[in-house]
N, C-alpha and C. Protein backbone atom coordinates (compact mmCIF):
# COMPACT_ATOMS: atom_id res chain seq x y z
N MET A 1 3.59 -21.29 -16.40
CA MET A 1 3.00 -20.25 -15.58
C MET A 1 1.98 -20.89 -14.63
N ARG A 2 2.03 -20.47 -13.40
CA ARG A 2 1.14 -20.96 -12.36
C ARG A 2 -0.20 -20.24 -12.46
N HIS A 3 -1.28 -20.95 -12.27
CA HIS A 3 -2.61 -20.35 -12.32
C HIS A 3 -3.18 -20.24 -10.91
N PHE A 4 -3.90 -19.19 -10.69
CA PHE A 4 -4.56 -18.93 -9.41
C PHE A 4 -5.77 -19.86 -9.32
N GLU A 5 -5.71 -20.82 -8.45
CA GLU A 5 -6.79 -21.79 -8.29
C GLU A 5 -7.52 -21.50 -6.98
N LEU A 6 -8.81 -21.35 -7.07
CA LEU A 6 -9.60 -20.97 -5.90
C LEU A 6 -9.53 -21.96 -4.75
N ASN A 7 -9.21 -23.22 -5.03
CA ASN A 7 -9.16 -24.21 -3.95
C ASN A 7 -7.73 -24.59 -3.56
N ARG A 8 -6.74 -23.91 -4.10
CA ARG A 8 -5.34 -24.26 -3.85
C ARG A 8 -4.78 -23.53 -2.64
N MET A 9 -4.45 -24.26 -1.61
CA MET A 9 -3.83 -23.69 -0.41
C MET A 9 -2.34 -23.55 -0.66
N ILE A 10 -1.73 -22.55 -0.03
CA ILE A 10 -0.28 -22.39 -0.09
C ILE A 10 0.25 -22.29 1.33
N THR A 11 1.52 -22.58 1.48
CA THR A 11 2.18 -22.45 2.77
C THR A 11 3.21 -21.33 2.68
N VAL A 12 3.15 -20.42 3.62
CA VAL A 12 4.16 -19.38 3.75
C VAL A 12 4.72 -19.54 5.15
N LYS A 13 6.01 -19.91 5.18
CA LYS A 13 6.66 -20.28 6.43
C LYS A 13 5.85 -21.37 7.13
N ASP A 14 5.25 -21.09 8.28
CA ASP A 14 4.53 -22.10 9.05
C ASP A 14 3.01 -21.93 9.01
N LYS A 15 2.50 -21.11 8.09
CA LYS A 15 1.06 -20.82 8.04
C LYS A 15 0.48 -21.22 6.70
N GLN A 16 -0.80 -21.61 6.74
CA GLN A 16 -1.54 -21.96 5.53
C GLN A 16 -2.41 -20.77 5.09
N PHE A 17 -2.39 -20.52 3.79
CA PHE A 17 -3.17 -19.43 3.23
C PHE A 17 -4.00 -19.96 2.07
N LYS A 18 -5.18 -19.36 1.89
CA LYS A 18 -6.04 -19.75 0.78
C LYS A 18 -6.20 -18.57 -0.18
N PRO A 19 -6.52 -18.84 -1.44
CA PRO A 19 -6.69 -17.76 -2.43
C PRO A 19 -7.76 -16.76 -1.98
N TYR A 20 -7.51 -15.49 -2.27
CA TYR A 20 -8.41 -14.43 -1.82
C TYR A 20 -8.75 -13.46 -2.95
N ILE A 21 -7.72 -12.84 -3.56
CA ILE A 21 -7.96 -11.86 -4.61
C ILE A 21 -7.06 -12.19 -5.80
N PRO A 22 -7.66 -12.54 -6.95
CA PRO A 22 -6.85 -12.90 -8.13
C PRO A 22 -6.20 -11.68 -8.77
N LYS A 23 -5.16 -11.93 -9.54
CA LYS A 23 -4.41 -10.87 -10.22
C LYS A 23 -5.31 -10.04 -11.12
N ALA A 24 -6.26 -10.66 -11.80
CA ALA A 24 -7.16 -9.91 -12.69
C ALA A 24 -7.93 -8.83 -11.92
N GLU A 25 -8.37 -9.13 -10.72
CA GLU A 25 -9.07 -8.13 -9.91
C GLU A 25 -8.12 -7.02 -9.49
N ILE A 26 -6.90 -7.39 -9.12
CA ILE A 26 -5.90 -6.38 -8.74
C ILE A 26 -5.61 -5.46 -9.93
N ASP A 27 -5.49 -6.04 -11.13
CA ASP A 27 -5.26 -5.23 -12.33
C ASP A 27 -6.40 -4.23 -12.54
N GLY A 28 -7.63 -4.66 -12.34
CA GLY A 28 -8.77 -3.77 -12.47
C GLY A 28 -8.73 -2.63 -11.47
N ILE A 29 -8.33 -2.94 -10.24
CA ILE A 29 -8.19 -1.91 -9.20
C ILE A 29 -7.13 -0.90 -9.63
N ASN A 30 -6.00 -1.39 -10.11
CA ASN A 30 -4.92 -0.50 -10.56
C ASN A 30 -5.38 0.40 -11.70
N ASP A 31 -6.12 -0.15 -12.65
CA ASP A 31 -6.64 0.65 -13.77
C ASP A 31 -7.53 1.78 -13.27
N ARG A 32 -8.45 1.44 -12.35
CA ARG A 32 -9.37 2.44 -11.82
C ARG A 32 -8.65 3.53 -11.03
N LEU A 33 -7.75 3.12 -10.13
CA LEU A 33 -7.02 4.10 -9.33
C LEU A 33 -6.13 4.99 -10.19
N ALA A 34 -5.46 4.43 -11.18
CA ALA A 34 -4.59 5.22 -12.06
C ALA A 34 -5.39 6.26 -12.83
N ALA A 35 -6.58 5.90 -13.28
CA ALA A 35 -7.44 6.85 -13.99
C ALA A 35 -7.85 8.00 -13.06
N GLU A 36 -8.22 7.67 -11.81
CA GLU A 36 -8.60 8.69 -10.84
C GLU A 36 -7.43 9.62 -10.53
N LEU A 37 -6.27 9.04 -10.30
CA LEU A 37 -5.09 9.84 -9.97
C LEU A 37 -4.67 10.71 -11.14
N SER A 38 -4.69 10.16 -12.33
CA SER A 38 -4.31 10.92 -13.53
C SER A 38 -5.24 12.11 -13.72
N ARG A 39 -6.52 11.93 -13.46
CA ARG A 39 -7.50 13.01 -13.56
C ARG A 39 -7.26 14.05 -12.46
N ASP A 40 -7.12 13.60 -11.22
CA ASP A 40 -7.04 14.52 -10.09
C ASP A 40 -5.72 15.28 -10.02
N TYR A 41 -4.64 14.71 -10.55
CA TYR A 41 -3.33 15.35 -10.47
C TYR A 41 -2.85 15.93 -11.79
N ALA A 42 -3.72 16.00 -12.79
CA ALA A 42 -3.34 16.60 -14.08
C ALA A 42 -2.89 18.04 -13.86
N GLY A 43 -1.73 18.38 -14.41
CA GLY A 43 -1.20 19.74 -14.29
C GLY A 43 -0.61 20.07 -12.94
N ARG A 44 -0.45 19.10 -12.07
CA ARG A 44 0.09 19.34 -10.73
C ARG A 44 1.51 18.78 -10.65
N ASP A 45 2.23 19.15 -9.61
CA ASP A 45 3.61 18.70 -9.39
C ASP A 45 3.59 17.55 -8.37
N LEU A 46 3.38 16.34 -8.88
CA LEU A 46 3.15 15.17 -8.03
C LEU A 46 4.43 14.44 -7.67
N VAL A 47 4.56 14.13 -6.37
CA VAL A 47 5.61 13.25 -5.88
C VAL A 47 4.90 12.05 -5.26
N ALA A 48 5.04 10.89 -5.89
CA ALA A 48 4.47 9.65 -5.35
C ALA A 48 5.49 9.02 -4.43
N CYS A 49 5.06 8.71 -3.22
CA CYS A 49 5.95 8.14 -2.21
C CYS A 49 5.44 6.77 -1.78
N PRO A 50 5.84 5.72 -2.50
CA PRO A 50 5.47 4.36 -2.09
C PRO A 50 6.18 3.98 -0.79
N ILE A 51 5.47 3.26 0.07
CA ILE A 51 6.03 2.83 1.34
C ILE A 51 6.62 1.43 1.17
N LEU A 52 7.92 1.35 1.38
CA LEU A 52 8.60 0.06 1.29
C LEU A 52 8.36 -0.71 2.59
N THR A 53 8.29 -1.99 2.57
CA THR A 53 8.56 -2.80 1.41
C THR A 53 7.26 -3.26 0.76
N GLY A 54 6.18 -3.26 1.53
CA GLY A 54 4.93 -3.86 1.08
C GLY A 54 4.31 -3.26 -0.16
N ALA A 55 4.46 -1.96 -0.39
CA ALA A 55 3.76 -1.31 -1.51
C ALA A 55 4.56 -1.33 -2.81
N TYR A 56 5.71 -1.98 -2.85
CA TYR A 56 6.54 -1.89 -4.05
C TYR A 56 5.86 -2.46 -5.29
N MET A 57 5.19 -3.58 -5.18
CA MET A 57 4.56 -4.21 -6.34
C MET A 57 3.35 -3.40 -6.79
N PHE A 58 2.51 -3.00 -5.85
CA PHE A 58 1.35 -2.17 -6.13
C PHE A 58 1.79 -0.85 -6.77
N ALA A 59 2.78 -0.19 -6.19
CA ALA A 59 3.23 1.09 -6.71
C ALA A 59 3.77 0.96 -8.13
N ALA A 60 4.55 -0.07 -8.40
CA ALA A 60 5.10 -0.25 -9.74
C ALA A 60 3.99 -0.40 -10.77
N ASP A 61 3.02 -1.24 -10.48
CA ASP A 61 1.92 -1.45 -11.42
C ASP A 61 1.03 -0.21 -11.54
N LEU A 62 0.73 0.43 -10.43
CA LEU A 62 -0.13 1.61 -10.43
C LEU A 62 0.52 2.78 -11.16
N LEU A 63 1.74 3.11 -10.80
CA LEU A 63 2.39 4.30 -11.35
C LEU A 63 2.72 4.17 -12.83
N ARG A 64 2.94 2.95 -13.31
CA ARG A 64 3.15 2.75 -14.75
C ARG A 64 1.88 3.05 -15.55
N ARG A 65 0.74 2.97 -14.92
CA ARG A 65 -0.54 3.22 -15.58
C ARG A 65 -0.91 4.70 -15.63
N LEU A 66 -0.23 5.56 -14.87
CA LEU A 66 -0.56 6.98 -14.86
C LEU A 66 -0.33 7.58 -16.24
N THR A 67 -1.16 8.54 -16.59
CA THR A 67 -1.00 9.25 -17.86
C THR A 67 -0.41 10.64 -17.64
N ILE A 68 0.07 10.90 -16.45
CA ILE A 68 0.66 12.19 -16.08
C ILE A 68 2.07 11.94 -15.55
N PRO A 69 2.93 12.96 -15.61
CA PRO A 69 4.27 12.79 -15.05
C PRO A 69 4.24 12.87 -13.52
N CYS A 70 5.14 12.13 -12.91
CA CYS A 70 5.31 12.25 -11.46
C CYS A 70 6.71 11.81 -11.09
N GLU A 71 7.16 12.34 -9.98
CA GLU A 71 8.43 11.89 -9.40
C GLU A 71 8.09 10.76 -8.44
N VAL A 72 8.98 9.79 -8.34
CA VAL A 72 8.78 8.68 -7.41
C VAL A 72 9.93 8.70 -6.40
N SER A 73 9.57 8.68 -5.14
CA SER A 73 10.58 8.67 -4.08
C SER A 73 10.12 7.69 -3.00
N PHE A 74 10.84 6.59 -2.86
CA PHE A 74 10.47 5.56 -1.90
C PHE A 74 10.75 6.00 -0.47
N VAL A 75 9.89 5.54 0.43
CA VAL A 75 9.96 5.83 1.85
C VAL A 75 9.84 4.50 2.56
N ARG A 76 10.49 4.36 3.71
CA ARG A 76 10.35 3.10 4.43
C ARG A 76 10.08 3.34 5.90
N TYR A 77 8.91 2.88 6.31
CA TYR A 77 8.49 2.90 7.71
C TYR A 77 8.01 1.49 8.03
N ALA A 78 8.18 1.05 9.24
CA ALA A 78 7.75 -0.31 9.60
C ALA A 78 7.28 -0.35 11.04
N SER A 79 6.27 -1.20 11.26
CA SER A 79 5.81 -1.43 12.64
C SER A 79 5.47 -2.89 12.88
N TYR A 80 5.53 -3.72 11.84
CA TYR A 80 5.14 -5.12 11.98
C TYR A 80 6.33 -6.04 12.21
N SER A 81 6.08 -7.09 12.96
CA SER A 81 7.01 -8.19 13.12
C SER A 81 6.15 -9.45 13.09
N GLY A 82 6.38 -10.29 12.11
CA GLY A 82 5.53 -11.47 11.95
C GLY A 82 4.14 -11.06 11.52
N MET A 83 3.14 -11.40 12.33
CA MET A 83 1.75 -11.11 11.98
C MET A 83 1.14 -9.98 12.82
N THR A 84 1.92 -9.35 13.68
CA THR A 84 1.36 -8.33 14.55
C THR A 84 2.22 -7.07 14.55
N SER A 85 1.56 -5.97 14.87
CA SER A 85 2.26 -4.69 14.99
C SER A 85 3.03 -4.67 16.31
N THR A 86 4.21 -4.09 16.26
CA THR A 86 5.02 -3.97 17.47
C THR A 86 4.57 -2.79 18.32
N GLY A 87 3.76 -1.90 17.73
CA GLY A 87 3.35 -0.68 18.43
C GLY A 87 4.37 0.43 18.31
N GLN A 88 5.50 0.13 17.70
CA GLN A 88 6.55 1.12 17.48
C GLN A 88 6.74 1.33 15.98
N VAL A 89 6.72 2.57 15.52
CA VAL A 89 6.93 2.88 14.11
C VAL A 89 8.38 3.30 13.94
N ARG A 90 9.07 2.57 13.08
CA ARG A 90 10.48 2.86 12.80
C ARG A 90 10.61 3.47 11.41
N CYS A 91 11.35 4.57 11.30
CA CYS A 91 11.63 5.19 10.00
C CYS A 91 13.02 4.76 9.55
N MET A 92 13.08 4.03 8.43
CA MET A 92 14.36 3.61 7.89
C MET A 92 14.77 4.44 6.67
N LEU A 93 13.79 5.04 5.98
CA LEU A 93 14.05 5.86 4.80
C LEU A 93 13.00 6.97 4.81
N PRO A 94 13.39 8.21 5.17
CA PRO A 94 12.42 9.28 5.34
C PRO A 94 11.93 9.88 4.01
N PHE A 95 10.92 10.71 4.11
CA PHE A 95 10.43 11.46 2.95
C PHE A 95 11.52 12.39 2.46
N PRO A 96 11.58 12.63 1.16
CA PRO A 96 12.62 13.52 0.63
C PRO A 96 12.33 14.96 0.99
N PRO A 97 13.36 15.75 1.24
CA PRO A 97 13.13 17.15 1.64
C PRO A 97 12.60 18.02 0.50
N ASN A 98 12.66 17.55 -0.75
CA ASN A 98 12.24 18.37 -1.88
C ASN A 98 10.73 18.36 -2.12
N VAL A 99 9.93 17.96 -1.14
CA VAL A 99 8.48 17.94 -1.31
C VAL A 99 7.82 19.26 -0.92
N GLU A 100 8.57 20.19 -0.42
CA GLU A 100 8.00 21.47 -0.02
C GLU A 100 7.27 22.12 -1.20
N GLY A 101 6.01 22.50 -0.96
CA GLY A 101 5.22 23.16 -1.98
C GLY A 101 4.70 22.25 -3.09
N ARG A 102 4.90 20.96 -2.96
CA ARG A 102 4.48 20.00 -3.99
C ARG A 102 3.37 19.10 -3.46
N ASP A 103 2.70 18.41 -4.37
CA ASP A 103 1.64 17.47 -4.00
C ASP A 103 2.25 16.10 -3.74
N VAL A 104 2.03 15.57 -2.55
CA VAL A 104 2.59 14.28 -2.16
C VAL A 104 1.46 13.25 -2.11
N LEU A 105 1.72 12.11 -2.74
CA LEU A 105 0.79 10.99 -2.69
C LEU A 105 1.50 9.83 -2.00
N ILE A 106 1.04 9.47 -0.82
CA ILE A 106 1.59 8.32 -0.11
C ILE A 106 0.92 7.08 -0.68
N VAL A 107 1.72 6.15 -1.18
CA VAL A 107 1.20 4.92 -1.78
C VAL A 107 1.48 3.76 -0.83
N GLU A 108 0.42 3.14 -0.31
CA GLU A 108 0.55 2.11 0.71
C GLU A 108 -0.14 0.82 0.25
N ASP A 109 0.33 -0.30 0.77
CA ASP A 109 -0.29 -1.59 0.42
C ASP A 109 -1.59 -1.80 1.18
N VAL A 110 -1.57 -1.57 2.48
CA VAL A 110 -2.78 -1.77 3.28
C VAL A 110 -2.78 -0.78 4.45
N VAL A 111 -3.92 -0.17 4.67
CA VAL A 111 -4.12 0.68 5.85
C VAL A 111 -5.07 -0.09 6.75
N ASP A 112 -4.57 -0.44 7.93
CA ASP A 112 -5.43 -1.14 8.89
C ASP A 112 -5.71 -0.22 10.07
N SER A 113 -4.99 -0.28 11.16
CA SER A 113 -5.28 0.58 12.30
C SER A 113 -5.04 2.05 11.97
N GLY A 114 -4.11 2.32 11.07
CA GLY A 114 -3.78 3.70 10.71
C GLY A 114 -2.69 4.30 11.57
N PHE A 115 -2.19 3.54 12.52
CA PHE A 115 -1.17 4.04 13.45
C PHE A 115 0.11 4.44 12.71
N SER A 116 0.64 3.58 11.86
CA SER A 116 1.87 3.90 11.13
C SER A 116 1.66 5.07 10.18
N MET A 117 0.51 5.09 9.51
CA MET A 117 0.23 6.17 8.57
C MET A 117 0.19 7.52 9.26
N ARG A 118 -0.33 7.58 10.48
CA ARG A 118 -0.36 8.84 11.23
C ARG A 118 1.06 9.37 11.40
N HIS A 119 2.01 8.49 11.71
CA HIS A 119 3.41 8.91 11.84
C HIS A 119 3.95 9.43 10.52
N MET A 120 3.60 8.77 9.43
CA MET A 120 4.08 9.19 8.11
C MET A 120 3.49 10.54 7.72
N ILE A 121 2.20 10.74 7.97
CA ILE A 121 1.57 12.02 7.66
C ILE A 121 2.25 13.14 8.44
N ASP A 122 2.48 12.93 9.73
CA ASP A 122 3.15 13.95 10.54
C ASP A 122 4.54 14.26 10.00
N ALA A 123 5.27 13.22 9.60
CA ALA A 123 6.63 13.41 9.09
C ALA A 123 6.64 14.21 7.80
N VAL A 124 5.75 13.88 6.88
CA VAL A 124 5.75 14.60 5.59
C VAL A 124 5.18 16.01 5.75
N MET A 125 4.22 16.22 6.63
CA MET A 125 3.66 17.56 6.84
C MET A 125 4.71 18.52 7.39
N ALA A 126 5.67 18.02 8.14
CA ALA A 126 6.75 18.85 8.66
C ALA A 126 7.63 19.41 7.54
N LEU A 127 7.52 18.84 6.34
CA LEU A 127 8.30 19.29 5.18
C LEU A 127 7.53 20.31 4.33
N HIS A 128 6.32 20.67 4.74
CA HIS A 128 5.50 21.71 4.12
C HIS A 128 5.14 21.45 2.66
N PRO A 129 4.54 20.28 2.37
CA PRO A 129 4.08 20.04 1.01
C PRO A 129 2.82 20.89 0.72
N ARG A 130 2.48 21.01 -0.56
CA ARG A 130 1.24 21.70 -0.95
C ARG A 130 0.03 20.89 -0.47
N SER A 131 0.10 19.57 -0.67
CA SER A 131 -0.98 18.68 -0.23
C SER A 131 -0.40 17.30 0.05
N VAL A 132 -1.13 16.53 0.84
CA VAL A 132 -0.77 15.14 1.11
C VAL A 132 -2.05 14.32 1.01
N LYS A 133 -2.01 13.29 0.17
CA LYS A 133 -3.13 12.37 0.06
C LYS A 133 -2.59 10.95 0.16
N ILE A 134 -3.50 10.04 0.48
CA ILE A 134 -3.14 8.63 0.68
C ILE A 134 -3.86 7.78 -0.34
N CYS A 135 -3.11 6.88 -0.98
CA CYS A 135 -3.65 5.89 -1.90
C CYS A 135 -3.25 4.52 -1.37
N THR A 136 -4.22 3.69 -1.07
CA THR A 136 -3.92 2.35 -0.57
C THR A 136 -4.61 1.29 -1.41
N LEU A 137 -3.94 0.19 -1.60
CA LEU A 137 -4.54 -0.92 -2.32
C LEU A 137 -5.68 -1.52 -1.49
N PHE A 138 -5.42 -1.75 -0.21
CA PHE A 138 -6.42 -2.34 0.67
C PHE A 138 -6.63 -1.46 1.90
N PHE A 139 -7.89 -1.42 2.34
CA PHE A 139 -8.26 -0.65 3.52
C PHE A 139 -9.12 -1.53 4.40
N LYS A 140 -8.78 -1.57 5.70
CA LYS A 140 -9.52 -2.37 6.67
C LYS A 140 -10.33 -1.44 7.58
N PRO A 141 -11.57 -1.09 7.18
CA PRO A 141 -12.35 -0.14 7.97
C PRO A 141 -12.65 -0.61 9.39
N GLU A 142 -12.77 -1.93 9.59
CA GLU A 142 -13.05 -2.45 10.93
C GLU A 142 -11.89 -2.21 11.89
N ALA A 143 -10.67 -2.15 11.38
CA ALA A 143 -9.49 -1.97 12.21
C ALA A 143 -9.06 -0.51 12.31
N PHE A 144 -9.54 0.34 11.41
CA PHE A 144 -9.06 1.72 11.30
C PHE A 144 -9.44 2.57 12.50
N LYS A 145 -8.43 3.21 13.09
CA LYS A 145 -8.63 4.09 14.23
C LYS A 145 -8.04 5.47 13.95
N GLY A 146 -7.76 5.76 12.69
CA GLY A 146 -7.12 7.03 12.32
C GLY A 146 -8.07 8.20 12.38
N ASP A 147 -7.48 9.39 12.43
CA ASP A 147 -8.23 10.65 12.46
C ASP A 147 -8.01 11.43 11.17
N TYR A 148 -7.81 10.73 10.08
CA TYR A 148 -7.54 11.33 8.78
C TYR A 148 -8.29 10.54 7.71
N LYS A 149 -8.36 11.13 6.53
CA LYS A 149 -9.07 10.50 5.42
C LYS A 149 -8.09 9.69 4.57
N VAL A 150 -8.52 8.51 4.16
CA VAL A 150 -7.78 7.72 3.17
C VAL A 150 -8.44 8.07 1.84
N ASP A 151 -7.71 8.77 0.97
CA ASP A 151 -8.30 9.42 -0.20
C ASP A 151 -8.62 8.48 -1.35
N TYR A 152 -7.76 7.52 -1.60
CA TYR A 152 -7.94 6.58 -2.71
C TYR A 152 -7.83 5.17 -2.17
N ILE A 153 -8.91 4.41 -2.30
CA ILE A 153 -8.95 3.05 -1.76
C ILE A 153 -9.20 2.08 -2.90
N GLY A 154 -8.28 1.12 -3.04
CA GLY A 154 -8.46 0.09 -4.07
C GLY A 154 -9.61 -0.82 -3.73
N ARG A 155 -9.59 -1.35 -2.52
CA ARG A 155 -10.65 -2.26 -2.09
C ARG A 155 -10.68 -2.32 -0.57
N GLU A 156 -11.86 -2.30 -0.02
CA GLU A 156 -12.02 -2.52 1.42
C GLU A 156 -12.03 -4.02 1.65
N ILE A 157 -11.39 -4.43 2.74
CA ILE A 157 -11.37 -5.85 3.13
C ILE A 157 -11.66 -5.92 4.63
N GLY A 158 -11.93 -7.14 5.09
CA GLY A 158 -12.12 -7.35 6.52
C GLY A 158 -10.78 -7.30 7.24
N ASN A 159 -10.79 -7.67 8.48
CA ASN A 159 -9.57 -7.59 9.29
C ASN A 159 -8.73 -8.86 9.19
N GLU A 160 -8.75 -9.50 8.01
CA GLU A 160 -7.98 -10.73 7.79
C GLU A 160 -6.49 -10.42 7.59
N PHE A 161 -5.68 -11.42 7.82
CA PHE A 161 -4.25 -11.30 7.55
C PHE A 161 -4.00 -11.83 6.13
N ILE A 162 -3.40 -10.99 5.28
CA ILE A 162 -3.20 -11.35 3.88
C ILE A 162 -1.73 -11.29 3.49
N VAL A 163 -1.38 -12.07 2.46
CA VAL A 163 -0.03 -12.06 1.90
C VAL A 163 -0.13 -12.07 0.38
N GLY A 164 0.96 -11.71 -0.25
CA GLY A 164 1.05 -11.71 -1.71
C GLY A 164 0.98 -10.31 -2.26
N TYR A 165 1.41 -10.15 -3.51
CA TYR A 165 1.39 -8.87 -4.20
C TYR A 165 2.04 -7.78 -3.35
N GLY A 166 3.19 -8.12 -2.77
CA GLY A 166 3.96 -7.18 -1.95
C GLY A 166 3.77 -7.35 -0.46
N LEU A 167 2.63 -7.87 -0.04
CA LEU A 167 2.36 -8.04 1.39
C LEU A 167 3.03 -9.32 1.88
N ASP A 168 3.50 -9.30 3.11
CA ASP A 168 4.30 -10.42 3.59
C ASP A 168 3.82 -10.98 4.91
N TYR A 169 4.32 -12.18 5.18
CA TYR A 169 4.26 -12.77 6.51
C TYR A 169 5.70 -12.99 6.91
N ASP A 170 6.19 -12.18 7.82
CA ASP A 170 7.56 -12.27 8.30
C ASP A 170 8.56 -12.25 7.15
N GLU A 171 8.33 -11.36 6.18
CA GLU A 171 9.15 -11.09 5.00
C GLU A 171 9.00 -12.11 3.87
N TYR A 172 8.14 -13.09 4.00
CA TYR A 172 7.91 -14.09 2.94
C TYR A 172 6.53 -13.91 2.32
N GLY A 173 6.39 -14.32 1.07
CA GLY A 173 5.12 -14.28 0.36
C GLY A 173 4.92 -13.04 -0.49
N ARG A 174 5.83 -12.09 -0.44
CA ARG A 174 5.68 -10.83 -1.18
C ARG A 174 5.59 -11.02 -2.69
N THR A 175 6.27 -12.01 -3.23
CA THR A 175 6.40 -12.15 -4.68
C THR A 175 5.23 -12.86 -5.34
N LEU A 176 4.26 -13.31 -4.57
CA LEU A 176 3.08 -13.94 -5.16
C LEU A 176 2.31 -12.89 -5.98
N PRO A 177 1.87 -13.21 -7.19
CA PRO A 177 1.20 -12.22 -8.02
C PRO A 177 -0.25 -11.94 -7.65
N GLU A 178 -0.78 -12.69 -6.71
CA GLU A 178 -2.14 -12.49 -6.24
C GLU A 178 -2.13 -12.46 -4.73
N VAL A 179 -3.30 -12.30 -4.12
CA VAL A 179 -3.38 -12.15 -2.66
C VAL A 179 -4.04 -13.38 -2.06
N TYR A 180 -3.48 -13.82 -0.94
CA TYR A 180 -3.97 -14.98 -0.19
C TYR A 180 -4.32 -14.52 1.22
N VAL A 181 -5.27 -15.23 1.84
CA VAL A 181 -5.71 -14.91 3.19
C VAL A 181 -5.40 -16.07 4.11
N LEU A 182 -5.06 -15.77 5.35
CA LEU A 182 -4.77 -16.79 6.34
C LEU A 182 -5.99 -17.70 6.49
N SER A 183 -5.77 -19.01 6.45
CA SER A 183 -6.90 -19.93 6.49
C SER A 183 -7.24 -20.41 7.89
N GLU A 184 -6.49 -20.02 8.88
CA GLU A 184 -6.73 -20.49 10.26
C GLU A 184 -7.73 -19.61 10.97
């Protein structure tokens, strides 16, 4: 088993990354968020909608920790290519139509500018859910330009580019069990 070493650089494609957030810290975030969600959604009809592909690892760990039942329905929206947003949000897998009258929790890996999330909120609201809330592992307040509330935040971070634990650089680095930050 590989250990997370604070001084160990890794290469993902053509970029160097340094250790940023160890798995133990991520586990603690998941424990805290799962407790909050289990409390807030007790007795409710919850549909958790993880956003593919980045949130798959976070969602799996988070949702397994819930002490309440929920339906899971994956959604896929994308706006990134490489390290930058294209400015265009593409929907590859929409929200399920059975969310009408139910509580929807959008599970995201990172909310930065909030541009893609705004598109997702508009799309799910058109299906008339009872409520829509957002749970994100990472939130970049310096980059956020949204006009909505991010309800559950695992950890605030700066405007750094990160990989690992589901987050990618041009589709690589997702399978790392911890998070690394661009060292350049």
